[in-house]
Amino acid sequence: MILTNEINNKKRPFLIAGPCSVESEEQVVSVCNDIKVQTNASVLRGGIWKPRTRPNSFEGVGAIGLPWLVKAGKQTGLPVTTEVANAKHVELALKAGINILWVGARTTVNPFAVQEIADAVKGTNVPIMIKNPVNPDLMLWIGAFERFQKAGITDLTAIHRGFSIYNHPKYRNVPNWEIPIALKEKLPNVHLICDPSHISGKRNGLLPVSQKAMDLNFDGLMIETHPNPDDAWSDAKQQVTPLGLKNILDSLVLRKEELTGDSITKMEVMREKIAGLDDKIFELLTARMRLSEEVGIYKRQHDITILQQEHWKKVISYRLSKTEDYKLTDKFVRDFMDALHQESIRHQNNVMNPDLK
């Protein structure tokens, strides 16, 4: 099959569903048949090898589960996919009849492992899906695509599953939506699938993450689905039943990408207003940096350091105290002020140390 063509030809969201881990033949065949009945899933997923954080965790049933997953695919008439982490996995999966392979986040982070898998699939036409690396590194993610492209693999799809963070109150893996958006900008022809299961880490977070992905015009969703989620051998809290999956899909609001009729004119007017405000913002930023250069000249004349830590603490504290008035999040204000501060430091350094540019 050519996965990219399948995604092009299917109505959004293109759905990939199945258990986090294949546990038994009965489990995977039954849940995949139920997924087929309850939803319009296009691909069935199942973990055969599970890269776990600690060695005593369940690490998958291994190659014994491959024919079970293939059987589920044949019974439902749907292609099946599993995660591979090395060349041996690739060999076993393709020999068993797995249709699509995906590279997991813990593998994408390692260029040596990605290259090994790319070398293993060279000369085949197997579709490859690549999850983002565990750390928020856009270039590392893009690099994985480039390794497969150099191996002659062109049927490539991206899966956004969020980025590791310690003890976040809302997400298991923070989405950092700006990174998949940037990936799409750099690789416009690559389809983008969201994995809300790993971003949320819990069932009640699947719908809002899925809706956000659809509003950002993602092509599809990969959602972990289990016949008895609470009894799952891995990632129990983030899996849903096939009926629960159907309820999520039925609750999604699928908005139009293209504007039509009067909407085009109205949107153009609003965008022109926004562009005008953006122009004013950048004019103000330019004026601010001119003042920063004057500050730098004064500091140079009086042998004062660029960084004035106590003053900066007061500035950032004041701005963060005003976030509700600004109608902006603390994170945005903090990130904006940090960027502004760093640019100001750059301008001051240029005038204080002109010979060291």
Protein backbone atom coordinates (compact mmCIF):
# COMPACT_ATOMS: atom_id res chain seq x y z
CA MET A 1 0.00 0.00 0.00
CA ILE A 2 0.99 3.66 -0.37
CA LEU A 3 0.09 5.27 2.93
CA THR A 4 0.41 8.86 1.74
CA ASN A 5 -2.15 8.21 -1.01
CA GLU A 6 -4.49 6.55 1.48
CA ILE A 7 -4.36 9.60 3.73
CA ASN A 8 -4.99 11.89 0.76
CA ASN A 9 -8.05 9.92 -0.28
CA LYS A 10 -9.70 9.51 3.13
CA LYS A 11 -11.89 11.96 4.98
CA ARG A 12 -10.25 13.55 8.01
CA PRO A 13 -9.36 12.34 10.50
CA PHE A 14 -7.39 9.44 9.03
CA LEU A 15 -7.63 7.00 11.94
CA ILE A 16 -5.03 4.55 13.24
CA ALA A 17 -6.24 2.54 16.23
CA GLY A 18 -5.41 -0.55 18.24
CA PRO A 19 -3.90 -1.65 21.54
CA CYS A 20 -0.76 -0.15 23.03
CA SER A 21 0.56 -3.70 23.33
CA VAL A 22 -0.44 -6.93 21.64
CA GLU A 23 -1.10 -9.24 24.60
CA SER A 24 -2.71 -12.32 23.06
CA GLU A 25 -4.22 -13.48 19.80
CA GLU A 26 -7.73 -13.26 21.23
CA GLN A 27 -7.15 -9.74 22.58
CA VAL A 28 -5.79 -8.19 19.41
CA VAL A 29 -8.19 -9.94 17.02
CA SER A 30 -11.27 -9.07 19.10
CA VAL A 31 -10.39 -5.41 19.64
CA CYS A 32 -9.45 -4.90 16.00
CA ASN A 33 -12.74 -6.40 14.85
CA ASP A 34 -14.59 -4.12 17.27
CA ILE A 35 -12.66 -1.11 16.00
CA LYS A 36 -13.70 -2.04 12.47
CA VAL A 37 -17.37 -2.22 13.53
CA GLN A 38 -17.41 0.94 15.66
CA THR A 39 -15.26 3.31 13.58
CA ASN A 40 -13.94 4.16 10.14
CA ALA A 41 -10.36 3.28 11.09
CA SER A 42 -7.99 2.98 8.15
CA VAL A 43 -5.03 1.28 9.87
CA LEU A 44 -4.74 -1.03 12.89
CA ARG A 45 -1.83 -0.62 15.30
CA GLY A 46 -0.35 -2.92 17.92
CA GLY A 47 2.87 -2.82 19.90
CA ILE A 48 4.98 -5.97 19.57
CA TRP A 49 8.22 -4.70 21.09
CA LYS A 50 7.83 -2.05 23.77
CA PRO A 51 10.83 0.12 24.70
CA ARG A 52 10.16 0.70 28.40
CA THR A 53 11.79 3.07 30.84
CA ARG A 54 12.72 0.35 33.34
CA PRO A 55 13.79 -3.25 32.60
CA ASN A 56 11.21 -4.95 34.81
CA SER A 57 8.30 -3.43 32.91
CA PHE A 58 6.37 -5.37 30.27
CA GLU A 59 8.41 -5.00 27.09
CA GLY A 60 6.01 -6.65 24.66
CA VAL A 61 5.30 -10.25 23.73
CA GLY A 62 7.87 -10.08 20.94
CA ALA A 63 7.82 -11.76 17.54
CA ILE A 64 5.27 -14.36 18.69
CA GLY A 65 2.63 -11.61 18.45
CA LEU A 66 3.31 -10.66 14.84
CA PRO A 67 1.05 -13.33 13.27
CA TRP A 68 -1.72 -12.37 15.70
CA LEU A 69 -1.63 -8.76 14.49
CA VAL A 70 -1.44 -9.86 10.85
CA LYS A 71 -4.46 -12.14 11.43
CA ALA A 72 -6.43 -9.20 12.85
CA GLY A 73 -5.59 -7.21 9.74
CA LYS A 74 -6.71 -9.98 7.41
CA GLN A 75 -10.00 -10.50 9.26
CA THR A 76 -10.84 -6.81 9.09
CA GLY A 77 -9.35 -6.12 5.67
CA LEU A 78 -7.21 -3.32 7.12
CA PRO A 79 -3.44 -2.80 7.00
CA VAL A 80 -1.53 -3.19 10.25
CA THR A 81 1.42 -1.34 11.73
CA THR A 82 3.86 -1.86 14.57
CA GLU A 83 6.88 -0.10 16.05
CA VAL A 84 10.39 -1.18 15.12
CA ALA A 85 13.55 -0.15 16.94
CA ASN A 86 16.30 -2.03 15.07
CA ALA A 87 17.09 -3.97 11.91
CA LYS A 88 16.03 -7.31 13.42
CA HIS A 89 12.58 -5.92 14.20
CA VAL A 90 12.30 -4.75 10.59
CA GLU A 91 13.24 -8.16 9.23
CA LEU A 92 10.78 -10.02 11.45
CA ALA A 93 7.92 -7.57 10.89
CA LEU A 94 8.21 -7.54 7.11
CA LYS A 95 8.59 -11.32 6.94
CA ALA A 96 5.41 -11.71 9.00
CA GLY A 97 3.44 -9.44 6.65
CA ILE A 98 3.22 -6.18 8.61
CA ASN A 99 2.16 -3.49 6.15
CA ILE A 100 3.48 -0.30 7.75
CA LEU A 101 6.30 0.34 10.22
CA TRP A 102 6.69 3.16 12.67
CA VAL A 103 9.78 4.50 14.39
CA GLY A 104 9.12 5.41 18.02
CA ALA A 105 10.13 8.54 19.90
CA ARG A 106 12.86 6.77 21.88
CA THR A 107 14.40 5.59 18.62
CA THR A 108 14.04 8.83 16.66
CA VAL A 109 16.24 10.50 19.25
CA ASN A 110 19.16 8.24 18.23
CA PRO A 111 20.49 8.90 14.69
CA PHE A 112 22.47 5.63 14.74
CA ALA A 113 19.30 3.62 15.42
CA VAL A 114 17.35 5.53 12.76
CA GLN A 115 20.09 4.91 10.23
CA GLU A 116 20.09 1.19 11.05
CA ILE A 117 16.35 0.99 10.36
CA ALA A 118 16.68 3.09 7.19
CA ASP A 119 19.39 0.73 5.93
CA ALA A 120 17.20 -2.27 6.78
CA VAL A 121 14.25 -1.03 4.69
CA LYS A 122 16.34 0.14 1.76
CA GLY A 123 15.11 -1.46 -1.44
CA THR A 124 11.57 -1.97 -0.10
CA ASN A 125 8.48 0.17 -0.59
CA VAL A 126 7.21 -0.17 2.98
CA PRO A 127 5.54 2.99 4.35
CA ILE A 128 7.30 4.47 7.37
CA MET A 129 5.77 6.62 10.09
CA ILE A 130 8.18 8.61 12.26
CA LYS A 131 7.29 9.83 15.72
CA ASN A 132 8.89 12.98 17.04
CA PRO A 133 11.93 12.45 19.29
CA VAL A 134 11.30 12.48 23.04
CA ASN A 135 13.06 15.84 23.33
CA PRO A 136 11.75 18.93 21.49
CA ASP A 137 14.33 18.96 18.70
CA LEU A 138 12.89 19.82 15.29
CA MET A 139 16.12 19.20 13.40
CA LEU A 140 16.46 15.72 14.93
CA TRP A 141 12.96 14.89 13.72
CA ILE A 142 13.67 16.25 10.25
CA GLY A 143 16.97 14.36 10.21
CA ALA A 144 15.10 11.09 10.64
CA PHE A 145 13.05 11.85 7.52
CA GLU A 146 16.19 12.71 5.60
CA ARG A 147 17.82 9.39 6.52
CA PHE A 148 14.89 7.43 5.10
CA GLN A 149 14.73 9.64 2.01
CA LYS A 150 18.42 8.97 1.35
CA ALA A 151 17.62 5.25 1.62
CA GLY A 152 15.04 5.67 -1.15
CA ILE A 153 11.95 5.59 1.08
CA THR A 154 9.47 8.27 0.04
CA ASP A 155 6.22 7.06 1.65
CA LEU A 156 6.80 8.89 4.94
CA THR A 157 4.36 10.16 7.55
CA ALA A 158 4.97 12.13 10.76
CA ILE A 159 3.40 11.27 14.11
CA HIS A 160 3.28 13.95 16.79
CA ARG A 161 3.21 12.34 20.25
CA GLY A 162 4.48 15.19 22.42
CA PHE A 163 7.74 15.70 24.29
CA SER A 164 8.96 14.32 27.59
CA ILE A 165 8.70 16.50 30.65
CA TYR A 166 8.89 15.77 34.36
CA ASN A 167 5.63 15.71 36.30
CA HIS A 168 3.51 18.01 34.15
CA PRO A 169 0.09 18.69 35.73
CA LYS A 170 -1.84 18.27 32.47
CA TYR A 171 0.12 16.23 29.93
CA ARG A 172 2.11 13.04 29.93
CA ASN A 173 4.12 14.53 27.07
CA VAL A 174 3.72 18.24 26.40
CA PRO A 175 2.45 18.89 22.86
CA ASN A 176 4.59 21.94 22.01
CA TRP A 177 2.34 22.45 18.99
CA GLU A 178 4.77 24.93 17.46
CA ILE A 179 7.17 22.07 16.65
CA PRO A 180 4.85 19.96 14.44
CA ILE A 181 3.68 23.21 12.85
CA ALA A 182 7.31 24.02 12.06
CA LEU A 183 7.83 20.49 10.72
CA LYS A 184 4.93 20.99 8.33
CA GLU A 185 6.47 24.27 7.20
CA LYS A 186 9.81 22.56 6.51
CA LEU A 187 8.30 19.37 5.03
CA PRO A 188 4.98 20.52 3.49
CA ASN A 189 4.37 17.24 1.64
CA VAL A 190 4.61 15.07 4.75
CA HIS A 191 1.28 14.13 6.32
CA LEU A 192 0.91 14.78 10.04
CA ILE A 193 -0.83 12.39 12.45
CA CYS A 194 -1.45 13.26 16.11
CA ASP A 195 -1.06 10.68 18.90
CA PRO A 196 -3.29 12.09 21.66
CA SER A 197 -2.83 8.92 23.74
CA HIS A 198 0.81 9.71 24.50
CA ILE A 199 0.31 13.47 24.72
CA SER A 200 -2.51 13.22 27.23
CA GLY A 201 -1.62 10.04 29.09
CA LYS A 202 -5.21 9.76 30.28
CA ARG A 203 -8.58 9.01 28.72
CA ASN A 204 -10.30 12.27 29.58
CA GLY A 205 -7.59 14.20 27.76
CA LEU A 206 -7.97 12.41 24.43
CA LEU A 207 -10.85 14.49 23.08
CA PRO A 208 -9.41 17.96 23.75
CA VAL A 209 -6.03 16.98 22.30
CA SER A 210 -7.70 15.38 19.27
CA GLN A 211 -9.84 18.48 18.73
CA LYS A 212 -6.79 20.74 18.93
CA ALA A 213 -5.04 18.57 16.33
CA MET A 214 -8.02 18.79 14.00
CA ASP A 215 -8.22 22.57 14.47
CA LEU A 216 -4.54 22.73 13.50
CA ASN A 217 -5.40 20.81 10.33
CA PHE A 218 -3.60 17.58 11.22
CA ASP A 219 -4.41 14.79 8.79
CA GLY A 220 -5.28 12.12 11.34
CA LEU A 221 -5.13 10.54 14.76
CA MET A 222 -3.46 7.50 16.29
CA ILE A 223 -5.41 6.42 19.38
CA GLU A 224 -4.63 3.42 21.58
CA THR A 225 -7.68 1.18 21.92
CA HIS A 226 -8.10 -1.89 24.16
CA PRO A 227 -11.03 -4.23 24.91
CA ASN A 228 -10.50 -3.76 28.68
CA PRO A 229 -8.31 -0.68 29.14
CA ASP A 230 -8.04 -0.90 32.92
CA ASP A 231 -6.54 -4.39 32.58
CA ALA A 232 -4.07 -3.43 29.83
CA TRP A 233 -0.50 -4.64 30.32
CA SER A 234 0.89 -1.23 29.38
CA ASP A 235 -0.37 2.37 29.41
CA ALA A 236 -3.76 1.43 30.84
CA LYS A 237 -4.78 4.99 31.76
CA GLN A 238 -4.55 6.34 28.23
CA GLN A 239 -6.40 3.60 26.35
CA VAL A 240 -10.10 3.52 25.48
CA THR A 241 -12.54 0.86 24.37
CA PRO A 242 -13.67 0.78 20.73
CA LEU A 243 -16.95 2.36 21.85
CA GLY A 244 -15.03 5.04 23.74
CA LEU A 245 -13.04 5.68 20.56
CA LYS A 246 -16.28 6.05 18.59
CA ASN A 247 -17.56 8.57 21.14
CA ILE A 248 -14.41 10.66 20.76
CA LEU A 249 -14.70 10.65 16.98
CA ASP A 250 -18.40 11.51 17.12
CA SER A 251 -17.62 14.47 19.41
CA LEU A 252 -15.02 16.02 17.12
CA VAL A 253 -15.89 19.22 15.30
CA LEU A 254 -14.28 19.09 11.85
CA ARG A 255 -13.86 22.58 10.55
CA LYS A 256 -13.22 23.65 6.95
CA GLU A 257 -9.72 24.46 5.80
CA GLU A 258 -10.68 26.62 2.85
CA LEU A 259 -12.58 29.91 2.98
CA THR A 260 -15.46 30.52 0.57
CA GLY A 261 -17.72 33.39 -0.48
CA ASP A 262 -18.12 36.26 1.98
CA SER A 263 -15.81 34.51 4.42
CA ILE A 264 -12.83 35.33 2.20
CA THR A 265 -13.55 39.07 2.23
CA LYS A 266 -14.24 39.21 5.96
CA MET A 267 -11.10 37.23 6.77
CA GLU A 268 -9.00 39.46 4.51
CA VAL A 269 -10.23 42.55 6.38
CA MET A 270 -9.36 41.04 9.76
CA ARG A 271 -5.98 39.84 8.51
CA GLU A 272 -5.17 43.31 7.20
CA LYS A 273 -5.94 44.74 10.65
CA ILE A 274 -3.71 42.13 12.26
CA ALA A 275 -0.91 42.88 9.78
CA GLY A 276 -1.22 46.56 10.62
CA LEU A 277 -0.88 45.84 14.32
CA ASP A 278 2.08 43.56 13.61
CA ASP A 279 3.73 46.42 11.73
CA LYS A 280 3.28 48.67 14.75
CA ILE A 281 4.65 46.01 17.08
CA PHE A 282 7.83 45.69 15.02
CA GLU A 283 8.17 49.46 14.77
CA LEU A 284 8.03 49.62 18.57
CA LEU A 285 10.52 46.77 18.89
CA THR A 286 12.91 48.60 16.56
CA ALA A 287 12.58 51.77 18.67
CA ARG A 288 13.12 49.76 21.83
CA MET A 289 16.34 48.25 20.49
CA ARG A 290 17.62 51.71 19.60
CA LEU A 291 17.14 52.62 23.25
CA SER A 292 18.92 49.42 24.25
CA GLU A 293 21.89 50.55 22.17
CA GLU A 294 21.88 53.90 23.97
CA VAL A 295 21.86 52.01 27.26
CA GLY A 296 24.79 49.95 25.99
CA ILE A 297 26.76 53.08 25.11
CA TYR A 298 26.13 54.49 28.58
CA LYS A 299 27.21 51.24 30.24
CA ARG A 300 30.38 51.17 28.14
CA GLN A 301 31.22 54.75 29.10
CA HIS A 302 30.75 53.97 32.80
CA ASP A 303 32.14 50.41 32.86
CA ILE A 304 28.83 48.83 33.87
CA THR A 305 28.01 45.20 33.11
CA ILE A 306 25.37 44.43 30.52
CA LEU A 307 23.34 42.12 32.76
CA GLN A 308 21.74 43.85 35.72
CA GLN A 309 20.19 40.87 37.47
CA GLU A 310 18.18 42.67 40.15
CA HIS A 311 16.68 45.07 37.65
CA TRP A 312 15.74 42.18 35.35
CA LYS A 313 14.06 40.33 38.21
CA LYS A 314 11.90 43.37 38.91
CA VAL A 315 11.02 43.78 35.22
CA ILE A 316 9.98 40.17 34.72
CA SER A 317 8.11 40.04 38.02
CA TYR A 318 6.08 43.10 37.07
CA ARG A 319 5.20 41.77 33.61
CA LEU A 320 4.17 38.39 34.99
CA SER A 321 1.92 40.13 37.51
CA LYS A 322 0.04 41.74 34.61
CA THR A 323 -0.70 38.65 32.51
CA GLU A 324 -4.42 38.66 33.37
CA ASP A 325 -4.69 42.29 32.29
CA TYR A 326 -2.88 41.47 29.07
CA LYS A 327 -5.12 38.43 28.48
CA LEU A 328 -1.96 36.44 27.84
CA THR A 329 -0.60 33.27 29.42
CA ASP A 330 2.28 33.36 31.87
CA LYS A 331 4.30 31.20 29.48
CA PHE A 332 3.81 33.56 26.55
CA VAL A 333 4.75 36.63 28.58
CA ARG A 334 7.78 34.86 30.05
CA ASP A 335 8.95 33.59 26.64
CA PHE A 336 8.37 36.97 25.02
CA MET A 337 10.20 38.89 27.73
CA ASP A 338 13.10 36.41 27.68
CA ALA A 339 13.41 36.80 23.90
CA LEU A 340 13.19 40.59 24.21
CA HIS A 341 15.85 40.57 26.92
CA GLN A 342 18.23 38.40 24.90
CA GLU A 343 17.84 40.62 21.83
CA SER A 344 18.45 43.69 23.98
CA ILE A 345 21.61 42.08 25.37
CA ARG A 346 22.77 41.35 21.82
CA HIS A 347 22.33 45.00 20.82
CA GLN A 348 24.11 46.22 23.94
CA ASN A 349 26.97 43.79 23.40
CA ASN A 350 27.41 45.03 19.83
CA VAL A 351 27.90 48.63 20.96
CA MET A 352 29.96 47.75 24.05
CA ASN A 353 32.27 45.37 22.21
CA PRO A 354 32.25 46.52 18.57
CA ASP A 355 35.58 44.81 17.84
CA LEU A 356 34.26 41.43 19.03
CA LYS A 357 31.23 41.15 16.78
